[in-house]
């Protein structure tokens, strides 16, 4: 089956967040219609938080059976539980605490006050084992219906930074030390894991993202611009505001 690639531009960041939220709800409903459950991998950042708040506020949120939604994370800052910089903390405040999820289906990445202490390699291995335990049959990973990614100013996705070891890592989950963006210690899904998702959505807003988005869409190498090396098995969406799309060729753009 061929993979669909599409780039959609919205007028501003607020409209982008509302549109992504609407798409996310439809994707969850479609997955549940097909097999009864849905699985989503969350990201962090300002736009992601706005998306999650819009999902929670949407009247359509009530149509989703949240008790049958699995929540995973693409990466995490390796900090204590509840730290405001953790993606988990952000997602809980914006969405997860507002909908009736099954706590057993929420899978946060380990924190420094967890059983592995301040050992990010052990914590990454623990998350890899949790993913494997949720997989079907002999698979190493559970199915991901939707995987959300922000795009950094340098083209990083999750905590896979340009020219860093995680770009080349073939394990499912890896520890990151010395990240160029603080905090320096993180845990992340690797590109091969990201690329197992049915759909990958790359979301970016603001002029500071324009150069990286333009290079990624324009064919940059995945080592230099990790966003260029990820995509869904069946669908890859670039969801942007006009400022982030400023350096994308007009022929690649669908305006909304």
Protein backbone atom coordinates (compact mmCIF):
# COMPACT_ATOMS: atom_id res chain seq x y z
CA UNK A 1 0.00 0.00 0.00
CA UNK A 2 1.39 3.42 -0.92
CA UNK A 3 1.93 6.08 1.71
CA UNK A 4 -0.01 9.32 1.39
CA UNK A 5 1.94 12.54 1.98
CA UNK A 6 0.12 15.84 2.41
CA UNK A 7 1.05 19.32 3.61
CA UNK A 8 -1.76 21.52 4.90
CA UNK A 9 -1.35 25.15 5.93
CA UNK A 10 -3.67 27.06 8.25
CA UNK A 11 -3.79 30.82 8.71
CA UNK A 12 -2.33 30.97 12.20
CA UNK A 13 -1.34 28.87 15.20
CA UNK A 14 -4.76 29.08 16.87
CA UNK A 15 -6.59 27.79 13.80
CA UNK A 16 -3.91 25.13 13.34
CA UNK A 17 -4.48 23.81 16.86
CA UNK A 18 -8.25 23.69 16.40
CA UNK A 19 -7.91 21.87 13.08
CA UNK A 20 -5.43 19.32 14.42
CA UNK A 21 -7.74 18.65 17.38
CA UNK A 22 -10.66 17.99 15.03
CA UNK A 23 -8.52 15.68 12.91
CA UNK A 24 -7.30 13.86 16.00
CA UNK A 25 -10.82 13.14 17.21
CA UNK A 26 -11.82 11.81 13.80
CA UNK A 27 -8.71 9.60 13.70
CA UNK A 28 -9.49 8.13 17.12
CA UNK A 29 -13.10 7.50 16.15
CA UNK A 30 -12.07 5.85 12.89
CA UNK A 31 -9.63 3.55 14.70
CA UNK A 32 -12.25 2.56 17.27
CA UNK A 33 -14.77 1.93 14.52
CA UNK A 34 -12.30 -0.40 12.82
CA UNK A 35 -11.13 -2.45 15.80
CA UNK A 36 -12.72 -1.15 19.00
CA UNK A 37 -9.64 0.57 20.41
CA UNK A 38 -7.31 3.40 19.45
CA UNK A 39 -3.69 4.17 20.19
CA UNK A 40 -2.04 7.60 20.07
CA UNK A 41 1.53 8.74 20.72
CA UNK A 42 1.67 12.24 22.19
CA UNK A 43 4.24 14.98 21.81
CA UNK A 44 5.01 18.14 23.78
CA UNK A 45 5.28 21.84 23.09
CA UNK A 46 3.07 24.92 22.94
CA UNK A 47 1.09 23.91 19.87
CA UNK A 48 0.57 20.39 21.22
CA UNK A 49 -0.80 21.79 24.47
CA UNK A 50 -3.22 23.95 22.49
CA UNK A 51 -4.30 20.92 20.47
CA UNK A 52 -4.95 18.90 23.62
CA UNK A 53 -6.99 21.70 25.19
CA UNK A 54 -9.04 21.95 22.00
CA UNK A 55 -9.67 18.19 22.02
CA UNK A 56 -10.86 18.33 25.63
CA UNK A 57 -13.17 21.26 24.87
CA UNK A 58 -14.66 19.82 21.69
CA UNK A 59 -18.25 18.55 21.77
CA UNK A 60 -17.02 15.65 19.62
CA UNK A 61 -14.79 14.43 22.44
CA UNK A 62 -17.80 12.72 23.95
CA UNK A 63 -18.09 10.44 20.93
CA UNK A 64 -14.73 8.82 21.69
CA UNK A 65 -14.68 5.85 24.07
CA UNK A 66 -11.75 7.16 26.08
CA UNK A 67 -11.65 4.00 28.19
CA UNK A 68 -10.40 2.21 25.09
CA UNK A 69 -7.69 4.68 24.07
CA UNK A 70 -4.04 3.83 24.69
CA UNK A 71 -1.77 6.80 25.38
CA UNK A 72 1.97 6.67 24.72
CA UNK A 73 4.66 9.33 24.45
CA UNK A 74 7.20 9.95 21.71
CA UNK A 75 9.75 11.44 24.08
CA UNK A 76 10.13 12.81 27.56
CA UNK A 77 12.35 15.09 29.55
CA UNK A 78 14.03 12.90 32.19
CA UNK A 79 12.84 14.81 35.24
CA UNK A 80 10.83 14.00 38.39
CA UNK A 81 7.15 13.09 38.08
CA UNK A 82 4.97 16.16 37.94
CA UNK A 83 7.75 18.47 36.82
CA UNK A 84 6.14 21.19 34.67
CA UNK A 85 8.70 20.59 31.93
CA UNK A 86 7.64 16.97 31.44
CA UNK A 87 5.46 16.29 28.42
CA UNK A 88 3.34 14.02 30.59
CA UNK A 89 2.57 16.86 33.01
CA UNK A 90 1.53 19.09 30.13
CA UNK A 91 -0.69 16.45 28.53
CA UNK A 92 -2.40 15.57 31.81
CA UNK A 93 -3.24 19.20 32.53
CA UNK A 94 -4.46 19.93 29.01
CA UNK A 95 -6.36 16.73 28.18
CA UNK A 96 -5.79 13.50 30.04
CA UNK A 97 -7.27 14.63 33.36
CA UNK A 98 -10.34 15.96 31.52
CA UNK A 99 -11.45 12.77 29.78
CA UNK A 100 -12.38 9.34 31.24
CA UNK A 101 -9.27 7.38 30.29
CA UNK A 102 -8.42 3.99 31.77
CA UNK A 103 -5.34 4.66 33.95
CA UNK A 104 -3.93 1.29 32.92
CA UNK A 105 -3.89 2.47 29.30
CA UNK A 106 -1.82 5.60 30.05
CA UNK A 107 1.86 4.82 29.52
CA UNK A 108 4.10 7.71 30.59
CA UNK A 109 7.82 7.43 30.09
CA UNK A 110 9.75 6.87 33.35
CA UNK A 111 10.73 9.77 35.60
CA UNK A 112 13.85 10.27 37.70
CA UNK A 113 11.90 9.41 40.86
CA UNK A 114 10.89 6.06 39.37
CA UNK A 115 12.43 2.62 39.96
CA UNK A 116 15.43 3.38 37.72
CA UNK A 117 16.39 6.54 39.55
CA UNK A 118 18.52 8.89 37.47
CA UNK A 119 19.64 6.18 34.99
CA UNK A 120 18.11 7.15 31.63
CA UNK A 121 19.43 4.04 29.87
CA UNK A 122 17.61 1.77 32.34
CA UNK A 123 14.50 3.93 32.05
CA UNK A 124 14.60 3.70 28.24
CA UNK A 125 14.93 -0.08 28.47
CA UNK A 126 11.97 -0.17 30.85
CA UNK A 127 9.80 1.75 28.38
CA UNK A 128 10.90 -0.52 25.54
CA UNK A 129 9.81 -3.49 27.65
CA UNK A 130 6.43 -1.86 28.32
CA UNK A 131 5.93 -1.33 24.60
CA UNK A 132 6.87 -4.93 23.88
CA UNK A 133 4.45 -6.18 26.54
CA UNK A 134 1.62 -4.32 24.80
CA UNK A 135 2.53 -5.69 21.36
CA UNK A 136 0.55 -8.37 19.56
CA UNK A 137 2.08 -11.76 18.85
CA UNK A 138 5.79 -11.62 18.07
CA UNK A 139 5.82 -7.88 17.32
CA UNK A 140 8.18 -5.66 19.30
CA UNK A 141 5.72 -2.77 19.35
CA UNK A 142 1.99 -2.24 19.76
CA UNK A 143 0.07 -0.66 16.88
CA UNK A 144 0.10 3.15 16.82
CA UNK A 145 -2.89 4.62 15.00
CA UNK A 146 -1.55 8.14 15.30
CA UNK A 147 1.82 9.57 16.29
CA UNK A 148 2.14 13.32 16.82
CA UNK A 149 5.43 15.17 16.42
CA UNK A 150 6.48 18.73 16.92
CA UNK A 151 9.30 20.05 14.76
CA UNK A 152 12.16 21.95 16.39
CA UNK A 153 13.93 24.99 14.99
CA UNK A 154 16.85 22.69 14.18
CA UNK A 155 14.61 20.06 12.57
CA UNK A 156 14.56 17.68 15.53
CA UNK A 157 11.53 15.49 16.24
CA UNK A 158 10.75 13.83 19.57
CA UNK A 159 14.21 14.00 21.20
CA UNK A 160 16.04 12.92 18.05
CA UNK A 161 18.41 15.82 17.38
CA UNK A 162 20.54 16.48 14.29
CA UNK A 163 23.84 14.62 14.17
CA UNK A 164 23.16 13.00 17.58
CA UNK A 165 23.43 9.23 18.30
CA UNK A 166 19.64 8.76 18.47
CA UNK A 167 19.43 9.49 14.73
CA UNK A 168 21.22 6.20 14.08
CA UNK A 169 19.78 4.12 16.94
CA UNK A 170 17.87 1.00 15.89
CA UNK A 171 16.49 0.12 19.32
CA UNK A 172 12.85 0.96 19.99
CA UNK A 173 13.61 3.46 22.75
CA UNK A 174 16.87 5.18 23.64
CA UNK A 175 18.30 7.53 26.23
CA UNK A 176 19.56 10.95 25.16
CA UNK A 177 22.39 12.68 26.99
CA UNK A 178 23.71 16.11 26.12
CA UNK A 179 20.66 17.24 24.14
CA UNK A 180 21.37 20.65 22.60
CA UNK A 181 18.04 21.91 23.95
CA UNK A 182 17.54 21.80 27.74
CA UNK A 183 17.00 19.71 29.69
CA UNK A 184 19.96 17.69 28.39
CA UNK A 185 18.82 14.22 29.52
CA UNK A 186 15.81 12.71 27.80
CA UNK A 187 14.18 9.48 26.64
CA UNK A 188 12.89 9.10 23.09
CA UNK A 189 11.39 6.72 20.60
CA UNK A 190 13.86 6.17 17.78
CA UNK A 191 13.12 6.91 14.11
CA UNK A 192 12.47 3.23 13.25
CA UNK A 193 9.88 3.10 16.04
CA UNK A 194 8.25 6.36 14.96
CA UNK A 195 8.00 5.02 11.43
CA UNK A 196 5.86 2.05 12.51
CA UNK A 197 2.86 4.32 13.18
CA UNK A 198 -0.05 4.13 10.77
CA UNK A 199 -0.15 7.91 10.60
CA UNK A 200 2.52 10.44 11.56
CA UNK A 201 1.55 14.10 11.85
CA UNK A 202 4.29 16.73 12.00
CA UNK A 203 2.97 19.94 13.52
CA UNK A 204 4.77 23.29 13.44
CA UNK A 205 3.86 26.93 13.94
CA UNK A 206 5.80 30.16 13.86
CA UNK A 207 8.53 31.74 11.73
CA UNK A 208 11.30 30.12 13.77
CA UNK A 209 10.26 26.75 12.31
CA UNK A 210 10.19 27.86 8.67
CA UNK A 211 13.79 27.02 7.73
CA UNK A 212 13.68 23.52 9.24
CA UNK A 213 10.29 22.74 7.70
CA UNK A 214 11.46 23.98 4.32
CA UNK A 215 14.58 21.82 4.43
CA UNK A 216 12.70 18.74 5.63
CA UNK A 217 10.04 19.02 2.94
CA UNK A 218 12.66 19.91 0.37
CA UNK A 219 14.59 16.68 0.71
CA UNK A 220 17.20 17.26 3.40
CA UNK A 221 18.98 14.27 4.89
CA UNK A 222 17.54 12.64 7.99
CA UNK A 223 20.81 12.90 9.92
CA UNK A 224 20.98 16.65 9.44
CA UNK A 225 17.20 17.24 9.68
CA UNK A 226 15.56 14.33 11.57
CA UNK A 227 12.08 15.56 10.59
CA UNK A 228 12.94 14.59 7.02
CA UNK A 229 13.36 10.94 8.00
CA UNK A 230 10.04 10.15 9.68
CA UNK A 231 6.64 9.26 8.32
CA UNK A 232 3.63 7.03 8.75
CA UNK A 233 3.12 3.63 7.18
CA UNK A 234 -0.06 4.79 5.46
CA UNK A 235 -0.16 8.57 5.91
CA UNK A 236 2.18 11.44 6.71
CA UNK A 237 0.71 14.88 7.33
CA UNK A 238 2.58 18.16 7.70
CA UNK A 239 0.20 20.48 9.57
CA UNK A 240 1.51 24.04 9.61
CA UNK A 241 0.58 27.64 10.05
CA UNK A 242 1.50 30.15 7.36
CA UNK A 243 4.60 31.37 9.19
CA UNK A 244 6.05 27.85 9.52
CA UNK A 245 5.28 27.16 5.85
CA UNK A 246 7.02 30.29 4.58
CA UNK A 247 9.91 28.36 2.99
CA UNK A 248 7.86 25.47 1.57
CA UNK A 249 7.37 25.49 -2.23
CA UNK A 250 3.87 26.72 -3.06
CA UNK A 251 3.21 23.62 -5.16
CA UNK A 252 3.49 21.45 -2.03
CA UNK A 253 0.89 23.34 -0.04
CA UNK A 254 -2.81 22.79 0.55
CA UNK A 255 -4.33 25.93 2.10
CA UNK A 256 -7.13 25.74 4.64
